[in-house]
PDB file of N, CA and C in Angstrom:
ATOM      1  N   MET A   1      -1.391  29.846  -5.346  1.00  0.00           N
ATOM      2  CA  MET A   1      -1.667  28.669  -4.546  1.00  0.00           C
ATOM      3  C   MET A   1      -1.995  29.087  -3.119  1.00  0.00           C
ATOM      4  N   THR A   2      -3.108  28.632  -2.687  1.00  0.00           N
ATOM      5  CA  THR A   2      -3.522  28.944  -1.324  1.00  0.00           C
ATOM      6  C   THR A   2      -3.100  27.817  -0.391  1.00  0.00           C
ATOM      7  N   PRO A   3      -3.019  28.108   0.891  1.00  0.00           N
ATOM      8  CA  PRO A   3      -2.684  27.034   1.843  1.00  0.00           C
ATOM      9  C   PRO A   3      -3.705  25.895   1.828  1.00  0.00           C
ATOM     10  N   GLU A   4      -4.970  26.226   1.596  1.00  0.00           N
ATOM     11  CA  GLU A   4      -6.001  25.189   1.527  1.00  0.00           C
ATOM     12  C   GLU A   4      -5.768  24.244   0.351  1.00  0.00           C
ATOM     13  N   PHE A   5      -5.334  24.818  -0.785  1.00  0.00           N
ATOM     14  CA  PHE A   5      -5.052  23.997  -1.951  1.00  0.00           C
ATOM     15  C   PHE A   5      -3.880  23.054  -1.687  1.00  0.00           C
ATOM     16  N   VAL A   6      -2.831  23.566  -1.088  1.00  0.00           N
ATOM     17  CA  VAL A   6      -1.647  22.744  -0.805  1.00  0.00           C
ATOM     18  C   VAL A   6      -2.002  21.624   0.166  1.00  0.00           C
ATOM     19  N   ILE A   7      -2.783  21.943   1.179  1.00  0.00           N
ATOM     20  CA  ILE A   7      -3.199  20.923   2.147  1.00  0.00           C
ATOM     21  C   ILE A   7      -4.077  19.873   1.461  1.00  0.00           C
ATOM     22  N   GLY A   8      -4.995  20.305   0.619  1.00  0.00           N
ATOM     23  CA  GLY A   8      -5.851  19.362  -0.114  1.00  0.00           C
ATOM     24  C   GLY A   8      -5.062  18.486  -1.067  1.00  0.00           C
ATOM     25  N   PHE A   9      -4.071  19.075  -1.739  1.00  0.00           N
ATOM     26  CA  PHE A   9      -3.224  18.331  -2.664  1.00  0.00           C
ATOM     27  C   PHE A   9      -2.403  17.282  -1.917  1.00  0.00           C
ATOM     28  N   ALA A  10      -1.826  17.669  -0.782  1.00  0.00           N
ATOM     29  CA  ALA A  10      -1.047  16.726   0.036  1.00  0.00           C
ATOM     30  C   ALA A  10      -1.942  15.639   0.607  1.00  0.00           C
ATOM     31  N   LYS A  11      -3.152  16.018   1.020  1.00  0.00           N
ATOM     32  CA  LYS A  11      -4.100  15.031   1.555  1.00  0.00           C
ATOM     33  C   LYS A  11      -4.460  14.000   0.501  1.00  0.00           C
ATOM     34  N   GLN A  12      -4.687  14.450  -0.712  1.00  0.00           N
ATOM     35  CA  GLN A  12      -5.026  13.533  -1.804  1.00  0.00           C
ATOM     36  C   GLN A  12      -3.856  12.587  -2.092  1.00  0.00           C
ATOM     37  N   ALA A  13      -2.637  13.083  -2.066  1.00  0.00           N
ATOM     38  CA  ALA A  13      -1.463  12.246  -2.317  1.00  0.00           C
ATOM     39  C   ALA A  13      -1.272  11.215  -1.204  1.00  0.00           C
ATOM     40  N   ILE A  14      -1.481  11.614   0.033  1.00  0.00           N
ATOM     41  CA  ILE A  14      -1.342  10.687   1.161  1.00  0.00           C
ATOM     42  C   ILE A  14      -2.435   9.625   1.116  1.00  0.00           C
ATOM     43  N   GLU A  15      -3.664  10.026   0.778  1.00  0.00           N
ATOM     44  CA  GLU A  15      -4.757   9.056   0.667  1.00  0.00           C
ATOM     45  C   GLU A  15      -4.468   8.026  -0.418  1.00  0.00           C
ATOM     46  N   LEU A  16      -3.933   8.473  -1.548  1.00  0.00           N
ATOM     47  CA  LEU A  16      -3.591   7.552  -2.624  1.00  0.00           C
ATOM     48  C   LEU A  16      -2.484   6.596  -2.190  1.00  0.00           C
ATOM     49  N   THR A  17      -1.499   7.102  -1.478  1.00  0.00           N
ATOM     50  CA  THR A  17      -0.410   6.254  -0.983  1.00  0.00           C
ATOM     51  C   THR A  17      -0.933   5.186  -0.038  1.00  0.00           C
ATOM     52  N   LEU A  18      -1.811   5.571   0.873  1.00  0.00           N
ATOM     53  CA  LEU A  18      -2.383   4.595   1.797  1.00  0.00           C
ATOM     54  C   LEU A  18      -3.260   3.587   1.075  1.00  0.00           C
ATOM     55  N   LEU A  19      -4.035   4.036   0.104  1.00  0.00           N
ATOM     56  CA  LEU A  19      -4.902   3.136  -0.656  1.00  0.00           C
ATOM     57  C   LEU A  19      -4.075   2.126  -1.445  1.00  0.00           C
ATOM     58  N   ILE A  20      -2.980   2.577  -2.022  1.00  0.00           N
ATOM     59  CA  ILE A  20      -2.121   1.692  -2.808  1.00  0.00           C
ATOM     60  C   ILE A  20      -1.421   0.666  -1.926  1.00  0.00           C
ATOM     61  N   SER A  21      -1.029   1.060  -0.728  1.00  0.00           N
ATOM     62  CA  SER A  21      -0.294   0.139   0.149  1.00  0.00           C
ATOM     63  C   SER A  21      -1.218  -0.808   0.911  1.00  0.00           C
ATOM     64  N   LEU A  22      -2.499  -0.549   0.905  1.00  0.00           N
ATOM     65  CA  LEU A  22      -3.439  -1.350   1.688  1.00  0.00           C
ATOM     66  C   LEU A  22      -3.445  -2.843   1.353  1.00  0.00           C
ATOM     67  N   PRO A  23      -3.438  -3.260   0.085  1.00  0.00           N
ATOM     68  CA  PRO A  23      -3.453  -4.715  -0.177  1.00  0.00           C
ATOM     69  C   PRO A  23      -2.251  -5.451   0.410  1.00  0.00           C
ATOM     70  N   MET A  24      -1.061  -4.888   0.259  1.00  0.00           N
ATOM     71  CA  MET A  24       0.134  -5.559   0.784  1.00  0.00           C
ATOM     72  C   MET A  24       0.147  -5.562   2.308  1.00  0.00           C
ATOM     73  N   LEU A  25      -0.260  -4.468   2.909  1.00  0.00           N
ATOM     74  CA  LEU A  25      -0.283  -4.408   4.369  1.00  0.00           C
ATOM     75  C   LEU A  25      -1.330  -5.359   4.944  1.00  0.00           C
ATOM     76  N   GLY A  26      -2.469  -5.446   4.293  1.00  0.00           N
ATOM     77  CA  GLY A  26      -3.521  -6.354   4.761  1.00  0.00           C
ATOM     78  C   GLY A  26      -3.106  -7.812   4.666  1.00  0.00           C
ATOM     79  N   VAL A  27      -2.488  -8.177   3.561  1.00  0.00           N
ATOM     80  CA  VAL A  27      -2.018  -9.554   3.399  1.00  0.00           C
ATOM     81  C   VAL A  27      -0.923  -9.860   4.410  1.00  0.00           C
ATOM     82  N   GLY A  28      -0.005  -8.927   4.603  1.00  0.00           N
ATOM     83  CA  GLY A  28       1.058  -9.136   5.591  1.00  0.00           C
ATOM     84  C   GLY A  28       0.508  -9.298   6.994  1.00  0.00           C
ATOM     85  N   LEU A  29      -0.513  -8.519   7.328  1.00  0.00           N
ATOM     86  CA  LEU A  29      -1.144  -8.635   8.639  1.00  0.00           C
ATOM     87  C   LEU A  29      -1.821  -9.983   8.808  1.00  0.00           C
ATOM     88  N   ALA A  30      -2.586 -10.384   7.800  1.00  0.00           N
ATOM     89  CA  ALA A  30      -3.306 -11.657   7.893  1.00  0.00           C
ATOM     90  C   ALA A  30      -2.347 -12.840   7.999  1.00  0.00           C
ATOM     91  N   VAL A  31      -1.319 -12.860   7.182  1.00  0.00           N
ATOM     92  CA  VAL A  31      -0.352 -13.953   7.230  1.00  0.00           C
ATOM     93  C   VAL A  31       0.406 -13.934   8.554  1.00  0.00           C
ATOM     94  N   GLY A  32       0.744 -12.760   9.049  1.00  0.00           N
ATOM     95  CA  GLY A  32       1.428 -12.662  10.335  1.00  0.00           C
ATOM     96  C   GLY A  32       0.595 -13.213  11.479  1.00  0.00           C
ATOM     97  N   VAL A  33      -0.694 -12.915  11.481  1.00  0.00           N
ATOM     98  CA  VAL A  33      -1.574 -13.426  12.539  1.00  0.00           C
ATOM     99  C   VAL A  33      -1.695 -14.944  12.449  1.00  0.00           C
ATOM    100  N   VAL A  34      -1.860 -15.464  11.234  1.00  0.00           N
ATOM    101  CA  VAL A  34      -1.985 -16.919  11.065  1.00  0.00           C
ATOM    102  C   VAL A  34      -0.707 -17.617  11.512  1.00  0.00           C
ATOM    103  N   VAL A  35       0.436 -17.104  11.118  1.00  0.00           N
ATOM    104  CA  VAL A  35       1.705 -17.724  11.508  1.00  0.00           C
ATOM    105  C   VAL A  35       1.907 -17.618  13.014  1.00  0.00           C
ATOM    106  N   SER A  36       1.533 -16.506  13.605  1.00  0.00           N
ATOM    107  CA  SER A  36       1.671 -16.352  15.058  1.00  0.00           C
ATOM    108  C   SER A  36       0.790 -17.337  15.814  1.00  0.00           C
ATOM    109  N   VAL A  37      -0.416 -17.546  15.329  1.00  0.00           N
ATOM    110  CA  VAL A  37      -1.311 -18.519  15.961  1.00  0.00           C
ATOM    111  C   VAL A  37      -0.730 -19.927  15.839  1.00  0.00           C
ATOM    112  N   LEU A  38      -0.209 -20.256  14.667  1.00  0.00           N
ATOM    113  CA  LEU A  38       0.418 -21.565  14.486  1.00  0.00           C
ATOM    114  C   LEU A  38       1.646 -21.735  15.381  1.00  0.00           C
ATOM    115  N   GLN A  39       2.431 -20.677  15.521  1.00  0.00           N
ATOM    116  CA  GLN A  39       3.598 -20.745  16.401  1.00  0.00           C
ATOM    117  C   GLN A  39       3.178 -20.919  17.850  1.00  0.00           C
ATOM    118  N   ALA A  40       2.142 -20.234  18.255  1.00  0.00           N
ATOM    119  CA  ALA A  40       1.670 -20.372  19.632  1.00  0.00           C
ATOM    120  C   ALA A  40       1.101 -21.758  19.882  1.00  0.00           C
ATOM    121  N   ALA A  41       0.446 -22.321  18.880  1.00  0.00           N
ATOM    122  CA  ALA A  41      -0.161 -23.641  19.052  1.00  0.00           C
ATOM    123  C   ALA A  41       0.888 -24.750  19.081  1.00  0.00           C
ATOM    124  N   THR A  42       1.935 -24.572  18.285  1.00  0.00           N
ATOM    125  CA  THR A  42       2.957 -25.626  18.199  1.00  0.00           C
ATOM    126  C   THR A  42       4.177 -25.346  19.055  1.00  0.00           C
ATOM    127  N   GLN A  43       4.269 -24.180  19.626  1.00  0.00           N
ATOM    128  CA  GLN A  43       5.397 -23.742  20.455  1.00  0.00           C
ATOM    129  C   GLN A  43       6.710 -23.747  19.692  1.00  0.00           C
ATOM    130  N   ILE A  44       6.648 -23.502  18.396  1.00  0.00           N
ATOM    131  CA  ILE A  44       7.859 -23.343  17.585  1.00  0.00           C
ATOM    132  C   ILE A  44       8.143 -21.844  17.513  1.00  0.00           C
ATOM    133  N   GLN A  45       9.274 -21.419  18.015  1.00  0.00           N
ATOM    134  CA  GLN A  45       9.611 -19.993  18.052  1.00  0.00           C
ATOM    135  C   GLN A  45      10.799 -19.710  17.137  1.00  0.00           C
ATOM    136  N   GLU A  46      10.618 -19.950  15.866  1.00  0.00           N
ATOM    137  CA  GLU A  46      11.659 -19.703  14.881  1.00  0.00           C
ATOM    138  C   GLU A  46      11.360 -18.389  14.161  1.00  0.00           C
ATOM    139  N   MET A  47      12.326 -17.468  14.119  1.00  0.00           N
ATOM    140  CA  MET A  47      12.104 -16.152  13.526  1.00  0.00           C
ATOM    141  C   MET A  47      11.906 -16.226  12.009  1.00  0.00           C
ATOM    142  N   THR A  48      12.616 -17.128  11.349  1.00  0.00           N
ATOM    143  CA  THR A  48      12.457 -17.216   9.899  1.00  0.00           C
ATOM    144  C   THR A  48      11.087 -17.760   9.523  1.00  0.00           C
ATOM    145  N   LEU A  49      10.437 -18.455  10.428  1.00  0.00           N
ATOM    146  CA  LEU A  49       9.107 -18.980  10.157  1.00  0.00           C
ATOM    147  C   LEU A  49       8.088 -17.849   9.988  1.00  0.00           C
ATOM    148  N   THR A  50       8.318 -16.727  10.630  1.00  0.00           N
ATOM    149  CA  THR A  50       7.408 -15.589  10.445  1.00  0.00           C
ATOM    150  C   THR A  50       7.828 -14.720   9.265  1.00  0.00           C
ATOM    151  N   PHE A  51       9.102 -14.635   9.013  1.00  0.00           N
ATOM    152  CA  PHE A  51       9.607 -13.724   7.992  1.00  0.00           C
ATOM    153  C   PHE A  51       9.340 -14.225   6.574  1.00  0.00           C
ATOM    154  N   VAL A  52       9.660 -15.463   6.285  1.00  0.00           N
ATOM    155  CA  VAL A  52       9.564 -15.993   4.924  1.00  0.00           C
ATOM    156  C   VAL A  52       8.126 -16.022   4.408  1.00  0.00           C
ATOM    157  N   PRO A  53       7.134 -16.537   5.152  1.00  0.00           N
ATOM    158  CA  PRO A  53       5.765 -16.521   4.612  1.00  0.00           C
ATOM    159  C   PRO A  53       5.227 -15.109   4.373  1.00  0.00           C
ATOM    160  N   LYS A  54       5.590 -14.172   5.240  1.00  0.00           N
ATOM    161  CA  LYS A  54       5.127 -12.796   5.044  1.00  0.00           C
ATOM    162  C   LYS A  54       5.721 -12.196   3.778  1.00  0.00           C
ATOM    163  N   ILE A  55       7.013 -12.380   3.575  1.00  0.00           N
ATOM    164  CA  ILE A  55       7.664 -11.829   2.383  1.00  0.00           C
ATOM    165  C   ILE A  55       7.061 -12.433   1.116  1.00  0.00           C
ATOM    166  N   LEU A  56       6.885 -13.748   1.104  1.00  0.00           N
ATOM    167  CA  LEU A  56       6.322 -14.400  -0.077  1.00  0.00           C
ATOM    168  C   LEU A  56       4.881 -13.963  -0.339  1.00  0.00           C
ATOM    169  N   SER A  57       4.078 -13.867   0.714  1.00  0.00           N
ATOM    170  CA  SER A  57       2.678 -13.484   0.524  1.00  0.00           C
ATOM    171  C   SER A  57       2.545 -12.026   0.095  1.00  0.00           C
ATOM    172  N   ILE A  58       3.387 -11.158   0.622  1.00  0.00           N
ATOM    173  CA  ILE A  58       3.352  -9.750   0.214  1.00  0.00           C
ATOM    174  C   ILE A  58       3.793  -9.619  -1.242  1.00  0.00           C
ATOM    175  N   PHE A  59       4.777 -10.402  -1.648  1.00  0.00           N
ATOM    176  CA  PHE A  59       5.218 -10.387  -3.040  1.00  0.00           C
ATOM    177  C   PHE A  59       4.098 -10.849  -3.972  1.00  0.00           C
ATOM    178  N   VAL A  60       3.391 -11.910  -3.603  1.00  0.00           N
ATOM    179  CA  VAL A  60       2.265 -12.393  -4.420  1.00  0.00           C
ATOM    180  C   VAL A  60       1.152 -11.351  -4.456  1.00  0.00           C
ATOM    181  N   ALA A  61       0.874 -10.720  -3.327  1.00  0.00           N
ATOM    182  CA  ALA A  61      -0.159  -9.676  -3.298  1.00  0.00           C
ATOM    183  C   ALA A  61       0.234  -8.502  -4.185  1.00  0.00           C
ATOM    184  N   LEU A  62       1.517  -8.158  -4.181  1.00  0.00           N
ATOM    185  CA  LEU A  62       1.992  -7.078  -5.046  1.00  0.00           C
ATOM    186  C   LEU A  62       1.826  -7.450  -6.514  1.00  0.00           C
ATOM    187  N   LEU A  63       2.150  -8.677  -6.864  1.00  0.00           N
ATOM    188  CA  LEU A  63       1.980  -9.116  -8.252  1.00  0.00           C
ATOM    189  C   LEU A  63       0.510  -9.083  -8.673  1.00  0.00           C
ATOM    190  N   LEU A  64      -0.373  -9.501  -7.785  1.00  0.00           N
ATOM    191  CA  LEU A  64      -1.798  -9.519  -8.118  1.00  0.00           C
ATOM    192  C   LEU A  64      -2.401  -8.115  -8.164  1.00  0.00           C
ATOM    193  N   ALA A  65      -1.935  -7.235  -7.291  1.00  0.00           N
ATOM    194  CA  ALA A  65      -2.499  -5.885  -7.215  1.00  0.00           C
ATOM    195  C   ALA A  65      -1.791  -4.889  -8.127  1.00  0.00           C
ATOM    196  N   PHE A  66      -0.731  -5.312  -8.778  1.00  0.00           N
ATOM    197  CA  PHE A  66       0.067  -4.378  -9.574  1.00  0.00           C
ATOM    198  C   PHE A  66      -0.727  -3.669 -10.669  1.00  0.00           C
ATOM    199  N   PRO A  67      -1.570  -4.365 -11.451  1.00  0.00           N
ATOM    200  CA  PRO A  67      -2.339  -3.630 -12.471  1.00  0.00           C
ATOM    201  C   PRO A  67      -3.249  -2.550 -11.871  1.00  0.00           C
ATOM    202  N   TRP A  68      -3.885  -2.875 -10.764  1.00  0.00           N
ATOM    203  CA  TRP A  68      -4.755  -1.904 -10.098  1.00  0.00           C
ATOM    204  C   TRP A  68      -3.943  -0.720  -9.570  1.00  0.00           C
ATOM    205  N   ILE A  69      -2.788  -1.006  -8.980  1.00  0.00           N
ATOM    206  CA  ILE A  69      -1.923   0.046  -8.451  1.00  0.00           C
ATOM    207  C   ILE A  69      -1.460   0.970  -9.573  1.00  0.00           C
ATOM    208  N   MET A  70      -1.032   0.380 -10.686  1.00  0.00           N
ATOM    209  CA  MET A  70      -0.568   1.200 -11.809  1.00  0.00           C
ATOM    210  C   MET A  70      -1.703   2.041 -12.382  1.00  0.00           C
ATOM    211  N   ASP A  71      -2.909   1.499 -12.425  1.00  0.00           N
ATOM    212  CA  ASP A  71      -4.053   2.262 -12.905  1.00  0.00           C
ATOM    213  C   ASP A  71      -4.307   3.475 -12.020  1.00  0.00           C
ATOM    214  N   LYS A  72      -4.270   3.260 -10.703  1.00  0.00           N
ATOM    215  CA  LYS A  72      -4.475   4.377  -9.767  1.00  0.00           C
ATOM    216  C   LYS A  72      -3.377   5.432  -9.916  1.00  0.00           C
ATOM    217  N   MET A  73      -2.137   4.986 -10.021  1.00  0.00           N
ATOM    218  CA  MET A  73      -1.020   5.932 -10.134  1.00  0.00           C
ATOM    219  C   MET A  73      -1.060   6.698 -11.456  1.00  0.00           C
ATOM    220  N   ILE A  74      -1.393   6.015 -12.534  1.00  0.00           N
ATOM    221  CA  ILE A  74      -1.463   6.673 -13.841  1.00  0.00           C
ATOM    222  C   ILE A  74      -2.596   7.692 -13.858  1.00  0.00           C
ATOM    223  N   ASN A  75      -3.758   7.338 -13.308  1.00  0.00           N
ATOM    224  CA  ASN A  75      -4.875   8.288 -13.256  1.00  0.00           C
ATOM    225  C   ASN A  75      -4.528   9.513 -12.426  1.00  0.00           C
ATOM    226  N   TYR A  76      -3.876   9.308 -11.281  1.00  0.00           N
ATOM    227  CA  TYR A  76      -3.493  10.437 -10.424  1.00  0.00           C
ATOM    228  C   TYR A  76      -2.491  11.335 -11.147  1.00  0.00           C
ATOM    229  N   THR A  77      -1.486  10.727 -11.761  1.00  0.00           N
ATOM    230  CA  THR A  77      -0.469  11.508 -12.469  1.00  0.00           C
ATOM    231  C   THR A  77      -1.082  12.247 -13.644  1.00  0.00           C
ATOM    232  N   ARG A  78      -1.991  11.596 -14.366  1.00  0.00           N
ATOM    233  CA  ARG A  78      -2.662  12.244 -15.486  1.00  0.00           C
ATOM    234  C   ARG A  78      -3.454  13.459 -15.005  1.00  0.00           C
ATOM    235  N   GLU A  79      -4.170  13.309 -13.896  1.00  0.00           N
ATOM    236  CA  GLU A  79      -4.939  14.438 -13.361  1.00  0.00           C
ATOM    237  C   GLU A  79      -4.040  15.589 -12.937  1.00  0.00           C
ATOM    238  N   VAL A  80      -2.900  15.267 -12.365  1.00  0.00           N
ATOM    239  CA  VAL A  80      -1.962  16.320 -11.964  1.00  0.00           C
ATOM    240  C   VAL A  80      -1.450  17.069 -13.189  1.00  0.00           C
ATOM    241  N   PHE A  81      -1.054  16.330 -14.233  1.00  0.00           N
ATOM    242  CA  PHE A  81      -0.523  16.982 -15.433  1.00  0.00           C
ATOM    243  C   PHE A  81      -1.598  17.766 -16.176  1.00  0.00           C
ATOM    244  N   ILE A  82      -2.815  17.246 -16.221  1.00  0.00           N
ATOM    245  CA  ILE A  82      -3.891  17.961 -16.902  1.00  0.00           C
ATOM    246  C   ILE A  82      -4.226  19.256 -16.174  1.00  0.00           C
ATOM    247  N   ASN A  83      -4.230  19.222 -14.849  1.00  0.00           N
ATOM    248  CA  ASN A  83      -4.600  20.402 -14.061  1.00  0.00           C
ATOM    249  C   ASN A  83      -3.417  21.283 -13.699  1.00  0.00           C
ATOM    250  N   LEU A  84      -2.236  20.979 -14.204  1.00  0.00           N
ATOM    251  CA  LEU A  84      -1.051  21.772 -13.874  1.00  0.00           C
ATOM    252  C   LEU A  84      -1.217  23.254 -14.207  1.00  0.00           C
ATOM    253  N   PRO A  85      -1.777  23.624 -15.352  1.00  0.00           N
ATOM    254  CA  PRO A  85      -1.983  25.056 -15.601  1.00  0.00           C
ATOM    255  C   PRO A  85      -2.901  25.719 -14.568  1.00  0.00           C
ATOM    256  N   ASN A  86      -3.882  24.983 -14.072  1.00  0.00           N
ATOM    257  CA  ASN A  86      -4.773  25.543 -13.042  1.00  0.00           C
ATOM    258  C   ASN A  86      -4.042  25.696 -11.718  1.00  0.00           C
ATOM    259  N   TYR A  87      -3.094  24.815 -11.442  1.00  0.00           N
ATOM    260  CA  TYR A  87      -2.344  24.894 -10.191  1.00  0.00           C
ATOM    261  C   TYR A  87      -1.408  26.092 -10.168  1.00  0.00           C
ATOM    262  N   ILE A  88      -0.878  26.451 -11.313  1.00  0.00           N
ATOM    263  CA  ILE A  88       0.103  27.542 -11.386  1.00  0.00           C
ATOM    264  C   ILE A  88      -0.561  28.890 -11.159  1.00  0.00           C
ATOM    265  N   ARG A  89      -1.812  29.048 -11.567  1.00  0.00           N
ATOM    266  CA  ARG A  89      -2.498  30.337 -11.423  1.00  0.00           C
ATOM    267  C   ARG A  89      -2.616  30.779 -10.015  1.00  0.00           C
TER     268      ARG A  89
END
């Protein structure tokens, strides 16, 4: 194993992690901005008003994106196991 291989392998794993987390983070960001705008417009400064919609929307996004996430994770794991003999050399 060369240092370039290890760096490339870690880079690929980090990219996959970021790609998988993107739907939930994007939904959380969008809902947070909408709730913040509504709070600023109505002058309601309740902390649970920001927390509950974000949690619910992230949960729904996770449920909707779960098949895609599992497909990405299974493909990555399959590639790692298939290429394991090449990695050991």
